[in-house]
């Protein structure tokens, strides 16, 4: 019997997360629900479905960060989970750095 688990992450920006997921060839769905065992469900800000039908998502934590929500028992069987999460984290970090650099540059240009 498996159930949904919620794992903290360092991710904070939902738009950046969605852009990163799209860059990895996935189709993120906003404001969705992740289903677990025995009709267990959890609302999420972003959800994806992997090619084998396993769903995972991200919800907002009280500190503003995004938590990964998913069935860890099923997800842990995937050999590509760790590489996927690494790719996602790198894609997110690159997008966030570019976004922050653009915002910083704009503030310098306009004296803000």
Protein backbone atom coordinates (compact mmCIF):
# COMPACT_ATOMS: atom_id res chain seq x y z
CA UNK A 1 0.00 0.00 0.00
CA UNK A 2 1.42 3.33 -1.01
CA UNK A 3 0.40 6.86 -0.19
CA UNK A 4 1.23 10.39 -1.22
CA UNK A 5 4.30 11.95 0.33
CA UNK A 6 5.24 15.61 0.48
CA UNK A 7 8.93 16.46 0.17
CA UNK A 8 10.34 19.98 0.59
CA UNK A 9 12.37 21.49 -2.24
CA UNK A 10 14.27 24.75 -2.81
CA UNK A 11 12.00 25.69 -5.74
CA UNK A 12 9.80 28.78 -5.27
CA UNK A 13 8.67 30.16 -8.64
CA UNK A 14 5.75 28.28 -10.23
CA UNK A 15 6.18 29.89 -13.66
CA UNK A 16 9.87 29.01 -13.71
CA UNK A 17 9.01 25.44 -12.69
CA UNK A 18 6.44 25.12 -15.50
CA UNK A 19 8.88 26.53 -18.07
CA UNK A 20 11.55 24.09 -16.87
CA UNK A 21 9.16 21.13 -17.10
CA UNK A 22 8.17 22.14 -20.64
CA UNK A 23 11.86 22.38 -21.58
CA UNK A 24 12.20 18.77 -20.45
CA UNK A 25 9.36 17.73 -22.76
CA UNK A 26 6.60 17.51 -20.15
CA UNK A 27 3.19 19.15 -20.10
CA UNK A 28 2.62 20.75 -16.68
CA UNK A 29 -0.98 21.26 -15.60
CA UNK A 30 -1.74 24.17 -13.27
CA UNK A 31 -4.12 23.94 -10.28
CA UNK A 32 -4.63 20.20 -10.33
CA UNK A 33 -4.98 17.25 -7.96
CA UNK A 34 -2.63 14.29 -7.46
CA UNK A 35 -4.40 11.00 -6.77
CA UNK A 36 -2.96 8.41 -4.42
CA UNK A 37 -3.97 5.08 -2.93
CA UNK A 38 -7.57 4.47 -1.76
CA UNK A 39 -8.97 7.74 -3.12
CA UNK A 40 -6.30 9.80 -1.35
CA UNK A 41 -5.80 13.09 -3.17
CA UNK A 42 -3.79 16.26 -2.70
CA UNK A 43 -4.31 19.62 -4.45
CA UNK A 44 -1.22 20.92 -6.23
CA UNK A 45 -0.23 24.10 -8.06
CA UNK A 46 1.51 22.12 -10.82
CA UNK A 47 1.07 18.49 -11.84
CA UNK A 48 2.77 16.32 -14.43
CA UNK A 49 2.13 12.80 -15.60
CA UNK A 50 5.15 10.70 -16.48
CA UNK A 51 5.07 8.35 -19.47
CA UNK A 52 4.22 5.34 -17.29
CA UNK A 53 1.13 7.05 -15.87
CA UNK A 54 2.67 8.06 -12.55
CA UNK A 55 1.72 11.57 -11.50
CA UNK A 56 3.64 14.00 -9.37
CA UNK A 57 3.12 17.62 -8.49
CA UNK A 58 4.21 20.61 -6.45
CA UNK A 59 2.29 22.46 -3.74
CA UNK A 60 3.12 25.66 -1.84
CA UNK A 61 4.55 25.30 1.66
CA UNK A 62 4.01 27.91 4.40
CA UNK A 63 7.57 29.24 3.88
CA UNK A 64 6.83 29.98 0.20
CA UNK A 65 8.82 27.07 -1.21
CA UNK A 66 7.31 24.37 -3.41
CA UNK A 67 7.03 20.82 -2.08
CA UNK A 68 7.13 17.76 -4.34
CA UNK A 69 3.98 15.64 -3.93
CA UNK A 70 3.88 12.09 -5.18
CA UNK A 71 3.59 8.41 -4.44
CA UNK A 72 7.13 7.73 -3.28
CA UNK A 73 6.72 3.98 -3.39
CA UNK A 74 5.82 4.07 -7.09
CA UNK A 75 8.24 6.89 -7.95
CA UNK A 76 11.16 5.14 -6.25
CA UNK A 77 10.81 2.22 -8.69
CA UNK A 78 11.73 4.51 -11.56
CA UNK A 79 15.41 4.28 -12.37
CA UNK A 80 15.34 7.68 -14.03
CA UNK A 81 13.81 9.60 -11.09
CA UNK A 82 17.08 10.95 -9.67
CA UNK A 83 18.46 11.99 -13.08
CA UNK A 84 15.10 13.61 -13.92
CA UNK A 85 15.04 15.60 -10.67
CA UNK A 86 18.65 16.65 -11.30
CA UNK A 87 17.80 17.83 -14.83
CA UNK A 88 14.76 19.69 -13.54
CA UNK A 89 16.74 21.41 -10.78
CA UNK A 90 19.44 22.50 -13.25
CA UNK A 91 16.87 23.76 -15.78
CA UNK A 92 15.04 25.66 -13.02
CA UNK A 93 18.28 27.18 -11.67
CA UNK A 94 19.35 28.33 -15.14
CA UNK A 95 15.97 29.96 -15.83
CA UNK A 96 15.86 31.59 -12.41
CA UNK A 97 19.40 32.96 -12.85
CA UNK A 98 18.56 34.38 -16.29
CA UNK A 99 15.33 35.91 -14.98
CA UNK A 100 17.09 37.43 -11.97
CA UNK A 101 19.88 38.76 -14.20
CA UNK A 102 17.38 40.40 -16.53
CA UNK A 103 15.52 41.98 -13.59
CA UNK A 104 18.78 43.21 -12.07
CA UNK A 105 19.91 44.66 -15.42
CA UNK A 106 16.54 46.44 -15.85
CA UNK A 107 16.82 47.96 -12.36
CA UNK A 108 20.30 49.25 -13.22
CA UNK A 109 19.11 50.78 -16.50
CA UNK A 110 16.13 52.52 -14.96
CA UNK A 111 17.85 53.48 -11.71
CA UNK A 112 15.54 51.44 -9.52
